[in-house]
Each structure stands twice: as structure tokens, then as C-alpha cells.
Amino acid sequence: MSTETSNPGDALVRAGAVVFIVGAVATVVTFVPLFLDLARLPSAAYWLSMLMPVGFLVALVGLLRSARAQRRHTAG
């Protein structure tokens, strides 16, 4: 068992990391056919690449939320 307390933004940071990784894998998968001269993937694969910045944004919101909660905790 961990003795650390869970901050309000921890779940957002974890979810953002997962979404970012899925987007990063999709980005690599969409670039492979371009370099190997294979058939293009469907448009849905390219839209999945957009998950990378979305995951980054979700993780950033989680970090900001955790920092705000920590600042509130130390101030009073």
C-alpha cells in the first residue's frame, strides 16, 4: 500500500498519458505506409493521430488541477 495521498488531477494525468500514447502509436502507424510505399490507411487512422495533442492537453489540465489543489492545501 502506498502512503501517498491522491491529488484531484492524478486521474486526469494518467488518462491523458494513455490517450497520448494511443495517439503516438497511431501517428507512427500512419507514417509507416508513407515511408514504405504501401497503400494509404483510411482517414480514421489519421484522425486517431489527433489523440496525441488531446492527451497532452488532458494531462496538462490534470497537472494544473493538482498544483492548484496543492497550493490551496499549503495556504490554509
PDB file of N, CA and C in Angstrom:
ATOM      1  N   MET A   1       0.825  -1.191   0.000  1.00  0.00           N
ATOM      2  CA  MET A   1       0.000   0.000   0.000  1.00  0.00           C
ATOM      3  C   MET A   1       0.861   1.243   0.000  1.00  0.00           C
ATOM      4  N   SER A   2       0.428   2.219  -0.740  1.00  0.00           N
ATOM      5  CA  SER A   2       1.139   3.488  -0.817  1.00  0.00           C
ATOM      6  C   SER A   2       0.582   4.445   0.229  1.00  0.00           C
ATOM      7  N   THR A   3       1.471   5.225   0.828  1.00  0.00           N
ATOM      8  CA  THR A   3       1.017   6.193   1.829  1.00  0.00           C
ATOM      9  C   THR A   3       0.783   7.565   1.214  1.00  0.00           C
ATOM     10  N   GLU A   4       1.037   7.711  -0.081  1.00  0.00           N
ATOM     11  CA  GLU A   4       0.812   8.982  -0.743  1.00  0.00           C
ATOM     12  C   GLU A   4      -0.682   9.241  -0.897  1.00  0.00           C
ATOM     13  N   THR A   5      -1.052  10.508  -0.774  1.00  0.00           N
ATOM     14  CA  THR A   5      -2.447  10.865  -0.995  1.00  0.00           C
ATOM     15  C   THR A   5      -2.645  11.158  -2.472  1.00  0.00           C
ATOM     16  N   SER A   6      -3.840  10.927  -2.931  1.00  0.00           N
ATOM     17  CA  SER A   6      -4.156  11.140  -4.327  1.00  0.00           C
ATOM     18  C   SER A   6      -4.634  12.579  -4.531  1.00  0.00           C
ATOM     19  N   ASN A   7      -4.005  13.263  -5.462  1.00  0.00           N
ATOM     20  CA  ASN A   7      -4.414  14.621  -5.791  1.00  0.00           C
ATOM     21  C   ASN A   7      -5.588  14.591  -6.753  1.00  0.00           C
ATOM     22  N   PRO A   8      -6.373  15.667  -6.812  1.00  0.00           N
ATOM     23  CA  PRO A   8      -7.541  15.681  -7.693  1.00  0.00           C
ATOM     24  C   PRO A   8      -7.209  15.484  -9.170  1.00  0.00           C
ATOM     25  N   GLY A   9      -6.040  15.900  -9.625  1.00  0.00           N
ATOM     26  CA  GLY A   9      -5.717  15.804 -11.037  1.00  0.00           C
ATOM     27  C   GLY A   9      -4.972  14.549 -11.438  1.00  0.00           C
ATOM     28  N   ASP A  10      -4.688  13.661 -10.503  1.00  0.00           N
ATOM     29  CA  ASP A  10      -3.914  12.461 -10.823  1.00  0.00           C
ATOM     30  C   ASP A  10      -4.594  11.580 -11.864  1.00  0.00           C
ATOM     31  N   ALA A  11      -5.894  11.428 -11.771  1.00  0.00           N
ATOM     32  CA  ALA A  11      -6.620  10.596 -12.736  1.00  0.00           C
ATOM     33  C   ALA A  11      -6.565  11.220 -14.129  1.00  0.00           C
ATOM     34  N   LEU A  12      -6.640  12.546 -14.191  1.00  0.00           N
ATOM     35  CA  LEU A  12      -6.547  13.215 -15.484  1.00  0.00           C
ATOM     36  C   LEU A  12      -5.164  13.049 -16.103  1.00  0.00           C
ATOM     37  N   VAL A  13      -4.135  13.098 -15.283  1.00  0.00           N
ATOM     38  CA  VAL A  13      -2.773  12.923 -15.797  1.00  0.00           C
ATOM     39  C   VAL A  13      -2.605  11.507 -16.345  1.00  0.00           C
ATOM     40  N   ARG A  14      -3.091  10.526 -15.623  1.00  0.00           N
ATOM     41  CA  ARG A  14      -2.982   9.137 -16.095  1.00  0.00           C
ATOM     42  C   ARG A  14      -3.783   8.928 -17.379  1.00  0.00           C
ATOM     43  N   ALA A  15      -5.017   9.447 -17.414  1.00  0.00           N
ATOM     44  CA  ALA A  15      -5.850   9.305 -18.613  1.00  0.00           C
ATOM     45  C   ALA A  15      -5.217  10.034 -19.793  1.00  0.00           C
ATOM     46  N   GLY A  16      -4.668  11.208 -19.540  1.00  0.00           N
ATOM     47  CA  GLY A  16      -4.005  11.950 -20.604  1.00  0.00           C
ATOM     48  C   GLY A  16      -2.804  11.219 -21.146  1.00  0.00           C
ATOM     49  N   ALA A  17      -2.061  10.555 -20.272  1.00  0.00           N
ATOM     50  CA  ALA A  17      -0.891   9.787 -20.719  1.00  0.00           C
ATOM     51  C   ALA A  17      -1.312   8.619 -21.608  1.00  0.00           C
ATOM     52  N   VAL A  18      -2.381   7.946 -21.231  1.00  0.00           N
ATOM     53  CA  VAL A  18      -2.865   6.823 -22.033  1.00  0.00           C
ATOM     54  C   VAL A  18      -3.338   7.311 -23.399  1.00  0.00           C
ATOM     55  N   VAL A  19      -4.101   8.402 -23.421  1.00  0.00           N
ATOM     56  CA  VAL A  19      -4.600   8.947 -24.687  1.00  0.00           C
ATOM     57  C   VAL A  19      -3.426   9.416 -25.553  1.00  0.00           C
ATOM     58  N   PHE A  20      -2.424  10.032 -24.936  1.00  0.00           N
ATOM     59  CA  PHE A  20      -1.246  10.484 -25.662  1.00  0.00           C
ATOM     60  C   PHE A  20      -0.513   9.311 -26.295  1.00  0.00           C
ATOM     61  N   ILE A  21      -0.348   8.228 -25.553  1.00  0.00           N
ATOM     62  CA  ILE A  21       0.353   7.055 -26.080  1.00  0.00           C
ATOM     63  C   ILE A  21      -0.414   6.434 -27.239  1.00  0.00           C
ATOM     64  N   VAL A  22      -1.741   6.358 -27.121  1.00  0.00           N
ATOM     65  CA  VAL A  22      -2.556   5.832 -28.224  1.00  0.00           C
ATOM     66  C   VAL A  22      -2.385   6.708 -29.466  1.00  0.00           C
ATOM     67  N   GLY A  23      -2.394   8.023 -29.265  1.00  0.00           N
ATOM     68  CA  GLY A  23      -2.196   8.938 -30.388  1.00  0.00           C
ATOM     69  C   GLY A  23      -0.809   8.826 -30.990  1.00  0.00           C
ATOM     70  N   ALA A  24       0.196   8.622 -30.150  1.00  0.00           N
ATOM     71  CA  ALA A  24       1.568   8.483 -30.649  1.00  0.00           C
ATOM     72  C   ALA A  24       1.713   7.208 -31.477  1.00  0.00           C
ATOM     73  N   VAL A  25       1.129   6.118 -31.015  1.00  0.00           N
ATOM     74  CA  VAL A  25       1.169   4.866 -31.776  1.00  0.00           C
ATOM     75  C   VAL A  25       0.432   5.039 -33.104  1.00  0.00           C
ATOM     76  N   ALA A  26      -0.709   5.716 -33.080  1.00  0.00           N
ATOM     77  CA  ALA A  26      -1.462   5.950 -34.315  1.00  0.00           C
ATOM     78  C   ALA A  26      -0.662   6.815 -35.281  1.00  0.00           C
ATOM     79  N   THR A  27       0.085   7.775 -34.757  1.00  0.00           N
ATOM     80  CA  THR A  27       0.908   8.623 -35.612  1.00  0.00           C
ATOM     81  C   THR A  27       2.004   7.808 -36.287  1.00  0.00           C
ATOM     82  N   VAL A  28       2.654   6.963 -35.537  1.00  0.00           N
ATOM     83  CA  VAL A  28       3.704   6.107 -36.121  1.00  0.00           C
ATOM     84  C   VAL A  28       3.102   5.176 -37.172  1.00  0.00           C
ATOM     85  N   VAL A  29       1.942   4.614 -36.863  1.00  0.00           N
ATOM     86  CA  VAL A  29       1.301   3.675 -37.797  1.00  0.00           C
ATOM     87  C   VAL A  29       0.893   4.381 -39.083  1.00  0.00           C
ATOM     88  N   THR A  30       0.474   5.629 -39.004  1.00  0.00           N
ATOM     89  CA  THR A  30       0.066   6.333 -40.220  1.00  0.00           C
ATOM     90  C   THR A  30       1.259   6.772 -41.060  1.00  0.00           C
ATOM     91  N   PHE A  31       2.429   6.940 -40.459  1.00  0.00           N
ATOM     92  CA  PHE A  31       3.597   7.336 -41.229  1.00  0.00           C
ATOM     93  C   PHE A  31       4.300   6.155 -41.890  1.00  0.00           C
ATOM     94  N   VAL A  32       4.144   4.971 -41.373  1.00  0.00           N
ATOM     95  CA  VAL A  32       4.827   3.799 -41.921  1.00  0.00           C
ATOM     96  C   VAL A  32       4.465   3.571 -43.396  1.00  0.00           C
ATOM     97  N   PRO A  33       3.189   3.615 -43.784  1.00  0.00           N
ATOM     98  CA  PRO A  33       2.886   3.406 -45.213  1.00  0.00           C
ATOM     99  C   PRO A  33       3.494   4.476 -46.130  1.00  0.00           C
ATOM    100  N   LEU A  34       3.701   5.667 -45.617  1.00  0.00           N
ATOM    101  CA  LEU A  34       4.296   6.713 -46.445  1.00  0.00           C
ATOM    102  C   LEU A  34       5.755   6.410 -46.756  1.00  0.00           C
ATOM    103  N   PHE A  35       6.480   5.866 -45.795  1.00  0.00           N
ATOM    104  CA  PHE A  35       7.892   5.573 -45.983  1.00  0.00           C
ATOM    105  C   PHE A  35       8.133   4.251 -46.711  1.00  0.00           C
ATOM    106  N   LEU A  36       7.228   3.318 -46.574  1.00  0.00           N
ATOM    107  CA  LEU A  36       7.408   2.005 -47.202  1.00  0.00           C
ATOM    108  C   LEU A  36       6.652   1.856 -48.517  1.00  0.00           C
ATOM    109  N   ASP A  37       6.075   2.952 -49.003  1.00  0.00           N
ATOM    110  CA  ASP A  37       5.346   2.971 -50.264  1.00  0.00           C
ATOM    111  C   ASP A  37       4.223   1.931 -50.294  1.00  0.00           C
ATOM    112  N   LEU A  38       3.443   1.882 -49.207  1.00  0.00           N
ATOM    113  CA  LEU A  38       2.298   0.986 -49.113  1.00  0.00           C
ATOM    114  C   LEU A  38       1.015   1.765 -49.364  1.00  0.00           C
ATOM    115  N   ALA A  39      -0.091   1.071 -49.396  1.00  0.00           N
ATOM    116  CA  ALA A  39      -1.384   1.729 -49.592  1.00  0.00           C
ATOM    117  C   ALA A  39      -1.701   2.625 -48.397  1.00  0.00           C
ATOM    118  N   ARG A  40      -2.356   3.742 -48.683  1.00  0.00           N
ATOM    119  CA  ARG A  40      -2.723   4.669 -47.617  1.00  0.00           C
ATOM    120  C   ARG A  40      -3.752   4.048 -46.685  1.00  0.00           C
ATOM    121  N   LEU A  41      -3.702   4.454 -45.450  1.00  0.00           N
ATOM    122  CA  LEU A  41      -4.675   3.986 -44.471  1.00  0.00           C
ATOM    123  C   LEU A  41      -5.947   4.805 -44.590  1.00  0.00           C
ATOM    124  N   PRO A  42      -7.061   4.304 -44.049  1.00  0.00           N
ATOM    125  CA  PRO A  42      -8.293   5.089 -44.085  1.00  0.00           C
ATOM    126  C   PRO A  42      -8.159   6.364 -43.235  1.00  0.00           C
ATOM    127  N   SER A  43      -9.044   7.302 -43.483  1.00  0.00           N
ATOM    128  CA  SER A  43      -8.993   8.597 -42.790  1.00  0.00           C
ATOM    129  C   SER A  43      -9.111   8.456 -41.279  1.00  0.00           C
ATOM    130  N   ALA A  44      -9.776   7.422 -40.822  1.00  0.00           N
ATOM    131  CA  ALA A  44      -9.938   7.231 -39.367  1.00  0.00           C
ATOM    132  C   ALA A  44      -8.589   7.075 -38.682  1.00  0.00           C
ATOM    133  N   ALA A  45      -7.642   6.474 -39.349  1.00  0.00           N
ATOM    134  CA  ALA A  45      -6.311   6.310 -38.761  1.00  0.00           C
ATOM    135  C   ALA A  45      -5.639   7.663 -38.572  1.00  0.00           C
ATOM    136  N   TYR A  46      -5.843   8.568 -39.508  1.00  0.00           N
ATOM    137  CA  TYR A  46      -5.261   9.898 -39.382  1.00  0.00           C
ATOM    138  C   TYR A  46      -5.964  10.699 -38.283  1.00  0.00           C
ATOM    139  N   TRP A  47      -7.242  10.495 -38.128  1.00  0.00           N
ATOM    140  CA  TRP A  47      -7.970  11.176 -37.051  1.00  0.00           C
ATOM    141  C   TRP A  47      -7.522  10.666 -35.686  1.00  0.00           C
ATOM    142  N   LEU A  48      -7.153   9.393 -35.593  1.00  0.00           N
ATOM    143  CA  LEU A  48      -6.637   8.864 -34.331  1.00  0.00           C
ATOM    144  C   LEU A  48      -5.324   9.529 -33.936  1.00  0.00           C
ATOM    145  N   SER A  49      -4.588  10.012 -34.907  1.00  0.00           N
ATOM    146  CA  SER A  49      -3.345  10.719 -34.612  1.00  0.00           C
ATOM    147  C   SER A  49      -3.607  12.001 -33.835  1.00  0.00           C
ATOM    148  N   MET A  50      -4.802  12.540 -33.980  1.00  0.00           N
ATOM    149  CA  MET A  50      -5.156  13.764 -33.261  1.00  0.00           C
ATOM    150  C   MET A  50      -5.327  13.530 -31.760  1.00  0.00           C
ATOM    151  N   LEU A  51      -5.312  12.277 -31.337  1.00  0.00           N
ATOM    152  CA  LEU A  51      -5.405  11.993 -29.909  1.00  0.00           C
ATOM    153  C   LEU A  51      -4.146  12.403 -29.158  1.00  0.00           C
ATOM    154  N   MET A  52      -3.042  12.511 -29.858  1.00  0.00           N
ATOM    155  CA  MET A  52      -1.787  12.867 -29.198  1.00  0.00           C
ATOM    156  C   MET A  52      -1.874  14.256 -28.557  1.00  0.00           C
ATOM    157  N   PRO A  53      -2.249  15.308 -29.278  1.00  0.00           N
ATOM    158  CA  PRO A  53      -2.362  16.606 -28.610  1.00  0.00           C
ATOM    159  C   PRO A  53      -3.507  16.664 -27.605  1.00  0.00           C
ATOM    160  N   VAL A  54      -4.558  15.899 -27.842  1.00  0.00           N
ATOM    161  CA  VAL A  54      -5.667  15.870 -26.884  1.00  0.00           C
ATOM    162  C   VAL A  54      -5.201  15.257 -25.565  1.00  0.00           C
ATOM    163  N   GLY A  55      -4.440  14.178 -25.638  1.00  0.00           N
ATOM    164  CA  GLY A  55      -3.898  13.560 -24.431  1.00  0.00           C
ATOM    165  C   GLY A  55      -2.956  14.487 -23.695  1.00  0.00           C
ATOM    166  N   PHE A  56      -2.144  15.222 -24.455  1.00  0.00           N
ATOM    167  CA  PHE A  56      -1.243  16.198 -23.840  1.00  0.00           C
ATOM    168  C   PHE A  56      -2.039  17.264 -23.102  1.00  0.00           C
ATOM    169  N   LEU A  57      -3.110  17.741 -23.708  1.00  0.00           N
ATOM    170  CA  LEU A  57      -3.946  18.768 -23.083  1.00  0.00           C
ATOM    171  C   LEU A  57      -4.638  18.248 -21.823  1.00  0.00           C
ATOM    172  N   VAL A  58      -5.136  17.019 -21.858  1.00  0.00           N
ATOM    173  CA  VAL A  58      -5.792  16.434 -20.687  1.00  0.00           C
ATOM    174  C   VAL A  58      -4.790  16.277 -19.542  1.00  0.00           C
ATOM    175  N   ALA A  59      -3.588  15.819 -19.849  1.00  0.00           N
ATOM    176  CA  ALA A  59      -2.562  15.674 -18.812  1.00  0.00           C
ATOM    177  C   ALA A  59      -2.163  17.031 -18.246  1.00  0.00           C
ATOM    178  N   LEU A  60      -2.080  18.034 -19.097  1.00  0.00           N
ATOM    179  CA  LEU A  60      -1.733  19.380 -18.635  1.00  0.00           C
ATOM    180  C   LEU A  60      -2.811  19.938 -17.713  1.00  0.00           C
ATOM    181  N   VAL A  61      -4.063  19.718 -18.039  1.00  0.00           N
ATOM    182  CA  VAL A  61      -5.159  20.155 -17.166  1.00  0.00           C
ATOM    183  C   VAL A  61      -5.076  19.433 -15.825  1.00  0.00           C
ATOM    184  N   GLY A  62      -4.748  18.154 -15.847  1.00  0.00           N
ATOM    185  CA  GLY A  62      -4.593  17.406 -14.600  1.00  0.00           C
ATOM    186  C   GLY A  62      -3.455  17.935 -13.749  1.00  0.00           C
ATOM    187  N   LEU A  63      -2.348  18.295 -14.386  1.00  0.00           N
ATOM    188  CA  LEU A  63      -1.227  18.868 -13.639  1.00  0.00           C
ATOM    189  C   LEU A  63      -1.597  20.210 -13.018  1.00  0.00           C
ATOM    190  N   LEU A  64      -2.284  21.031 -13.783  1.00  0.00           N
ATOM    191  CA  LEU A  64      -2.710  22.333 -13.252  1.00  0.00           C
ATOM    192  C   LEU A  64      -3.695  22.172 -12.101  1.00  0.00           C
ATOM    193  N   ARG A  65      -4.588  21.202 -12.237  1.00  0.00           N
ATOM    194  CA  ARG A  65      -5.554  20.947 -11.165  1.00  0.00           C
ATOM    195  C   ARG A  65      -4.861  20.454  -9.894  1.00  0.00           C
ATOM    196  N   SER A  66      -3.864  19.586 -10.039  1.00  0.00           N
ATOM    197  CA  SER A  66      -3.110  19.100  -8.879  1.00  0.00           C
ATOM    198  C   SER A  66      -2.325  20.226  -8.214  1.00  0.00           C
ATOM    199  N   ALA A  67      -1.715  21.073  -9.042  1.00  0.00           N
ATOM    200  CA  ALA A  67      -0.941  22.186  -8.487  1.00  0.00           C
ATOM    201  C   ALA A  67      -1.843  23.157  -7.734  1.00  0.00           C
ATOM    202  N   ARG A  68      -2.997  23.406  -8.274  1.00  0.00           N
ATOM    203  CA  ARG A  68      -3.944  24.311  -7.599  1.00  0.00           C
ATOM    204  C   ARG A  68      -4.411  23.738  -6.272  1.00  0.00           C
ATOM    205  N   ALA A  69      -4.701  22.446  -6.252  1.00  0.00           N
ATOM    206  CA  ALA A  69      -5.130  21.802  -5.013  1.00  0.00           C
ATOM    207  C   ALA A  69      -4.007  21.800  -3.985  1.00  0.00           C
ATOM    208  N   GLN A  70      -2.776  21.575  -4.430  1.00  0.00           N
ATOM    209  CA  GLN A  70      -1.644  21.568  -3.507  1.00  0.00           C
ATOM    210  C   GLN A  70      -1.403  22.973  -2.948  1.00  0.00           C
ATOM    211  N   ARG A  71      -1.544  23.983  -3.780  1.00  0.00           N
ATOM    212  CA  ARG A  71      -1.365  25.361  -3.323  1.00  0.00           C
ATOM    213  C   ARG A  71      -2.453  25.726  -2.294  1.00  0.00           C
ATOM    214  N   ARG A  72      -3.662  25.279  -2.556  1.00  0.00           N
ATOM    215  CA  ARG A  72      -4.754  25.533  -1.618  1.00  0.00           C
ATOM    216  C   ARG A  72      -4.511  24.833  -0.288  1.00  0.00           C
ATOM    217  N   HIS A  73      -3.959  23.626  -0.360  1.00  0.00           N
ATOM    218  CA  HIS A  73      -3.689  22.848   0.861  1.00  0.00           C
ATOM    219  C   HIS A  73      -2.601  23.487   1.702  1.00  0.00           C
ATOM    220  N   THR A  74      -1.558  23.989   1.059  1.00  0.00           N
ATOM    221  CA  THR A  74      -0.457  24.593   1.826  1.00  0.00           C
ATOM    222  C   THR A  74      -0.804  25.996   2.333  1.00  0.00           C
ATOM    223  N   ALA A  75      -1.723  26.686   1.657  1.00  0.00           N
ATOM    224  CA  ALA A  75      -2.085  28.049   2.074  1.00  0.00           C
ATOM    225  C   ALA A  75      -3.025  28.042   3.281  1.00  0.00           C
ATOM    226  N   GLY A  76      -3.771  27.041   3.432  1.00  0.00           N
ATOM    227  CA  GLY A  76      -4.690  27.128   4.555  1.00  0.00           C
ATOM    228  C   GLY A  76      -5.282  25.863   4.910  1.00  0.00           C
TER     229      GLY A  76
END
